[in-house]
Amino acid sequence: MNSKFLAAVAAGALMLGASAANATVQTYDFSVYNTAFTGPLGSVTVTDHGSSTLDFDVVLASNVYFQLTNGNPHDAFWFDLPGLGGTHAVTYNITSPDGPLAGTGDYPTGGDFDGVGYSNNAYGQGWSTGYDYAMRVSDSVNPNQYFGNGGHLTFSVTATDPGAILSIASLGTGHVENVNGQNYNVVMGADLRQCLTATCLTGPVGALVNSGAVPEPATWGLMILGFGGIGAVLRRRRNVLAAA
């Protein structure tokens, strides 16, 4: 195997790694809430593909649910996309509205999630204001059952504007919300219900950045492959020089 071939392999791997590096993953924790709640409450993982689509995975902790309101549509999760403007700039693809106990009451028959657009709507949640988009949950059969308890709500949003690119940065830095006497830059929010005792707590919670956005595992693999190829080239070159 000559050095030119190895160099070509290494270059190709690096190019693949560079293209895949457009995909990043950012985690947000539900960490802003009334002190009556007991954390952790859950998290939101957003995947940025460097395209017009962002993927969301909202997972709630055990004994934590999205709040319902007497069978009527209820704002369960909200977020913002500053820069897109307007309330009809995205389409929704809700891929998983059910939990790990599908069909057993974790998310009752007749329940539904849908995506809606708002403009500067307070959602009736007290401190949460100014978010443009929301996921709504409703149940026409049994409004006393709830979705959550370890279940995933996964969906994607796609910008309808021609040529629009959605990224982690598209979510913005959040709205300043004053909770428990402190100001937080809340990026997303949810109306949750926590049942640790016979008495359940309900109320809005806010999601903050957990850590810096990082490349997906596949991206790391391609980058490592590329660096490995370069290492092989360098080792072969050293061996040739030593033999000479």
Protein backbone atom coordinates (compact mmCIF):
# COMPACT_ATOMS: atom_id res chain seq x y z
CA MET A 1 0.00 0.00 0.00
CA ASN A 2 1.72 3.21 -1.11
CA SER A 3 1.69 6.57 0.59
CA LYS A 4 -0.43 8.19 -2.14
CA PHE A 5 -3.21 5.66 -1.58
CA LEU A 6 -3.09 6.13 2.19
CA ALA A 7 -3.17 9.89 1.72
CA ALA A 8 -6.23 9.57 -0.50
CA VAL A 9 -8.00 7.41 2.11
CA ALA A 10 -7.18 9.87 4.87
CA ALA A 11 -8.33 12.85 2.82
CA GLY A 12 -11.60 11.12 1.96
CA ALA A 13 -12.28 10.27 5.60
CA LEU A 14 -11.59 13.85 6.64
CA MET A 15 -13.95 15.13 3.97
CA LEU A 16 -16.68 12.79 5.22
CA GLY A 17 -16.01 13.91 8.76
CA ALA A 18 -16.22 17.55 7.76
CA SER A 19 -19.59 17.04 6.05
CA ALA A 20 -21.02 15.07 8.99
CA ALA A 21 -19.76 17.69 11.42
CA ASN A 22 -22.74 19.80 10.39
CA ALA A 23 -24.85 17.59 12.67
CA THR A 24 -24.64 18.67 16.30
CA VAL A 25 -26.62 17.70 19.39
CA GLN A 26 -27.59 20.07 22.21
CA THR A 27 -29.22 19.03 25.48
CA TYR A 28 -31.43 21.29 27.59
CA ASP A 29 -32.54 20.42 31.12
CA PHE A 30 -35.85 21.37 32.72
CA SER A 31 -34.11 23.19 35.54
CA VAL A 32 -36.18 26.35 36.14
CA TYR A 33 -39.29 25.70 38.20
CA ASN A 34 -41.16 26.39 41.38
CA THR A 35 -39.26 25.06 44.38
CA ALA A 36 -42.21 22.79 45.19
CA PHE A 37 -41.11 20.50 42.34
CA THR A 38 -38.45 17.87 42.94
CA GLY A 39 -35.85 17.53 40.18
CA PRO A 40 -34.82 16.13 37.84
CA LEU A 41 -37.93 16.67 35.74
CA GLY A 42 -36.62 15.78 32.29
CA SER A 43 -34.65 17.09 29.36
CA VAL A 44 -34.86 18.12 25.71
CA THR A 45 -32.35 16.95 23.09
CA VAL A 46 -32.19 18.94 19.85
CA THR A 47 -30.34 17.64 16.79
CA ASP A 48 -29.14 20.12 14.20
CA HIS A 49 -28.46 18.56 10.78
CA GLY A 50 -27.29 21.74 9.11
CA SER A 51 -30.51 21.71 7.07
CA SER A 52 -33.98 23.22 7.22
CA THR A 53 -35.03 20.73 9.95
CA LEU A 54 -34.43 20.45 13.70
CA ASP A 55 -35.26 17.24 15.60
CA PHE A 56 -36.58 17.41 19.17
CA ASP A 57 -36.68 14.61 21.75
CA VAL A 58 -38.47 15.58 24.95
CA VAL A 59 -38.21 12.96 27.69
CA LEU A 60 -39.83 13.36 31.11
CA ALA A 61 -38.59 11.81 34.34
CA SER A 62 -40.47 9.12 36.22
CA ASN A 63 -43.70 10.39 37.79
CA VAL A 64 -43.62 13.53 35.61
CA TYR A 65 -46.30 14.12 32.96
CA PHE A 66 -47.57 16.76 30.55
CA GLN A 67 -50.54 18.53 32.06
CA LEU A 68 -53.98 18.11 30.47
CA THR A 69 -57.04 20.33 30.91
CA ASN A 70 -60.46 18.67 30.87
CA GLY A 71 -60.06 17.20 27.40
CA ASN A 72 -59.31 20.57 25.79
CA PRO A 73 -56.06 21.27 23.87
CA HIS A 74 -53.40 22.32 26.34
CA ASP A 75 -50.00 23.87 25.71
CA ALA A 76 -47.57 21.17 26.78
CA PHE A 77 -44.23 22.36 25.39
CA TRP A 78 -43.18 25.66 23.84
CA PHE A 79 -40.12 27.11 22.15
CA ASP A 80 -38.99 29.98 19.99
CA LEU A 81 -37.25 30.42 16.64
CA PRO A 82 -36.24 34.09 16.56
CA GLY A 83 -35.24 35.22 13.11
CA LEU A 84 -37.83 33.18 11.24
CA GLY A 85 -40.56 35.60 12.24
CA GLY A 86 -44.27 35.03 11.96
CA THR A 87 -46.29 32.08 13.21
CA HIS A 88 -46.51 29.90 10.07
CA ALA A 89 -42.82 29.48 9.29
CA VAL A 90 -42.51 25.80 10.29
CA THR A 91 -44.22 22.48 9.68
CA TYR A 92 -44.32 19.70 12.27
CA ASN A 93 -43.64 15.97 11.98
CA ILE A 94 -44.63 14.28 15.25
CA THR A 95 -42.98 10.89 15.12
CA SER A 96 -43.53 9.57 18.65
CA PRO A 97 -46.49 10.77 20.72
CA ASP A 98 -46.54 7.63 22.85
CA GLY A 99 -44.52 6.34 25.76
CA PRO A 100 -42.85 3.05 26.64
CA LEU A 101 -46.18 1.61 27.82
CA ALA A 102 -48.07 2.26 24.61
CA GLY A 103 -51.67 1.11 24.80
CA THR A 104 -51.55 0.53 28.55
CA GLY A 105 -52.62 3.95 29.76
CA ASP A 106 -49.30 5.78 29.68
CA TYR A 107 -50.78 7.85 26.88
CA PRO A 108 -54.49 7.07 26.68
CA THR A 109 -56.48 6.29 23.55
CA GLY A 110 -57.94 9.50 22.21
CA GLY A 111 -54.88 11.52 23.14
CA ASP A 112 -53.25 13.72 20.57
CA PHE A 113 -50.24 15.97 20.11
CA ASP A 114 -50.17 18.66 17.47
CA GLY A 115 -47.95 21.60 16.63
CA VAL A 116 -49.30 25.14 16.67
CA GLY A 117 -47.93 28.61 16.02
CA TYR A 118 -48.39 31.60 18.27
CA SER A 119 -47.07 35.12 18.43
CA ASN A 120 -46.04 36.52 21.78
CA ASN A 121 -48.50 34.28 23.59
CA ALA A 122 -48.21 33.82 27.36
CA TYR A 123 -49.88 30.36 27.24
CA GLY A 124 -51.58 31.15 30.52
CA GLN A 125 -48.49 29.92 32.35
CA GLY A 126 -47.75 32.96 34.48
CA TRP A 127 -44.10 33.73 33.88
CA SER A 128 -43.66 32.28 30.38
CA THR A 129 -44.07 34.88 27.62
CA GLY A 130 -43.02 35.58 24.07
CA TYR A 131 -42.63 32.07 22.64
CA ASP A 132 -43.80 31.63 19.05
CA TYR A 133 -44.35 27.87 18.74
CA ALA A 134 -45.91 25.16 20.86
CA MET A 135 -46.82 21.50 21.04
CA ARG A 136 -50.35 20.93 22.27
CA VAL A 137 -51.66 17.82 23.99
CA SER A 138 -55.30 16.84 24.37
CA ASP A 139 -57.35 13.80 25.25
CA SER A 140 -60.95 13.31 24.21
CA VAL A 141 -61.45 10.08 26.18
CA ASN A 142 -59.91 10.44 29.61
CA PRO A 143 -58.48 13.85 30.56
CA ASN A 144 -57.36 12.43 33.91
CA GLN A 145 -54.61 10.36 32.30
CA TYR A 146 -51.33 11.88 31.19
CA PHE A 147 -48.40 11.33 28.88
CA GLY A 148 -44.88 11.16 30.27
CA ASN A 149 -43.36 9.07 33.05
CA GLY A 150 -40.23 8.25 31.06
CA GLY A 151 -41.93 8.47 27.67
CA HIS A 152 -40.45 10.37 24.73
CA LEU A 153 -42.22 13.07 22.77
CA THR A 154 -40.22 13.25 19.54
CA PHE A 155 -40.94 15.61 16.68
CA SER A 156 -39.21 17.68 14.04
CA VAL A 157 -39.80 21.20 12.78
CA THR A 158 -38.98 22.22 9.23
CA ALA A 159 -38.75 25.79 8.01
CA THR A 160 -41.10 26.47 5.11
CA ASP A 161 -39.16 29.51 3.92
CA PRO A 162 -37.20 28.59 0.76
CA GLY A 163 -33.53 28.13 1.55
CA ALA A 164 -34.00 28.58 5.30
CA ILE A 165 -31.51 26.78 7.52
CA LEU A 166 -32.44 25.84 11.10
CA SER A 167 -29.59 25.38 13.56
CA ILE A 168 -29.08 25.20 17.31
CA ALA A 169 -28.47 28.95 17.12
CA SER A 170 -31.96 29.37 15.61
CA LEU A 171 -33.43 28.62 19.05
CA GLY A 172 -31.86 31.80 20.37
CA THR A 173 -30.57 32.45 23.85
CA GLY A 174 -33.98 32.40 25.51
CA HIS A 175 -36.36 34.85 27.14
CA VAL A 176 -35.50 36.39 30.47
CA GLU A 177 -37.91 34.90 32.99
CA ASN A 178 -38.00 35.73 36.69
CA VAL A 179 -38.59 32.56 38.71
CA ASN A 180 -38.16 32.29 42.48
CA GLY A 181 -36.74 35.81 42.48
CA GLN A 182 -33.98 35.02 39.95
CA ASN A 183 -33.65 35.82 36.25
CA TYR A 184 -33.02 32.99 33.78
CA ASN A 185 -32.64 32.88 30.00
CA VAL A 186 -35.26 30.20 29.36
CA VAL A 187 -34.90 28.67 25.88
CA MET A 188 -37.94 26.35 26.06
CA GLY A 189 -40.70 25.56 28.51
CA ALA A 190 -43.33 22.97 29.39
CA ASP A 191 -46.41 22.66 31.57
CA LEU A 192 -45.74 19.62 33.73
CA ARG A 193 -47.42 17.58 36.43
CA GLN A 194 -45.37 15.74 39.05
CA CYS A 195 -46.97 13.03 41.17
CA LEU A 196 -44.66 11.83 43.95
CA THR A 197 -47.45 11.58 46.53
CA ALA A 198 -51.22 11.45 46.45
CA THR A 199 -51.14 15.19 45.75
CA CYS A 200 -49.77 16.15 42.33
CA LEU A 201 -48.00 19.42 41.58
CA THR A 202 -48.56 21.31 38.33
CA GLY A 203 -46.95 24.34 36.74
CA PRO A 204 -44.60 25.72 34.08
CA VAL A 205 -40.92 24.77 33.96
CA GLY A 206 -38.10 26.18 31.88
CA ALA A 207 -35.31 24.45 29.96
CA LEU A 208 -31.74 25.74 29.98
CA VAL A 209 -28.64 24.64 28.10
CA ASN A 210 -27.03 21.61 29.75
CA SER A 211 -23.66 21.77 28.02
CA GLY A 212 -22.01 22.87 24.81
CA ALA A 213 -23.27 21.45 21.52
CA VAL A 214 -21.16 18.48 20.44
CA PRO A 215 -20.84 16.50 17.19
CA GLU A 216 -22.85 13.29 16.86
CA PRO A 217 -21.04 9.99 17.59
CA ALA A 218 -20.91 9.16 13.86
CA THR A 219 -19.11 12.43 13.28
CA TRP A 220 -16.50 11.57 15.88
CA GLY A 221 -16.02 8.17 14.25
CA LEU A 222 -15.34 9.70 10.86
CA MET A 223 -12.95 12.23 12.33
CA ILE A 224 -11.04 9.48 14.15
CA LEU A 225 -10.88 7.48 10.92
CA GLY A 226 -9.42 10.47 9.15
CA PHE A 227 -6.81 11.09 11.82
CA GLY A 228 -5.96 7.37 11.83
CA GLY A 229 -5.36 7.49 8.10
CA ILE A 230 -3.03 10.45 8.49
CA GLY A 231 -1.18 8.59 11.25
CA ALA A 232 -0.72 5.58 8.97
CA VAL A 233 0.76 7.80 6.27
CA LEU A 234 3.18 9.41 8.70
CA ARG A 235 4.26 6.06 10.16
CA ARG A 236 4.93 4.62 6.69
CA ARG A 237 6.91 7.72 5.75
CA ARG A 238 9.07 7.36 8.88
CA ASN A 239 9.70 3.68 8.07
CA VAL A 240 10.75 4.51 4.52
CA LEU A 241 13.13 7.21 5.75
CA ALA A 242 14.62 4.84 8.35
CA ALA A 243 15.19 2.12 5.74
CA ALA A 244 16.94 4.62 3.52
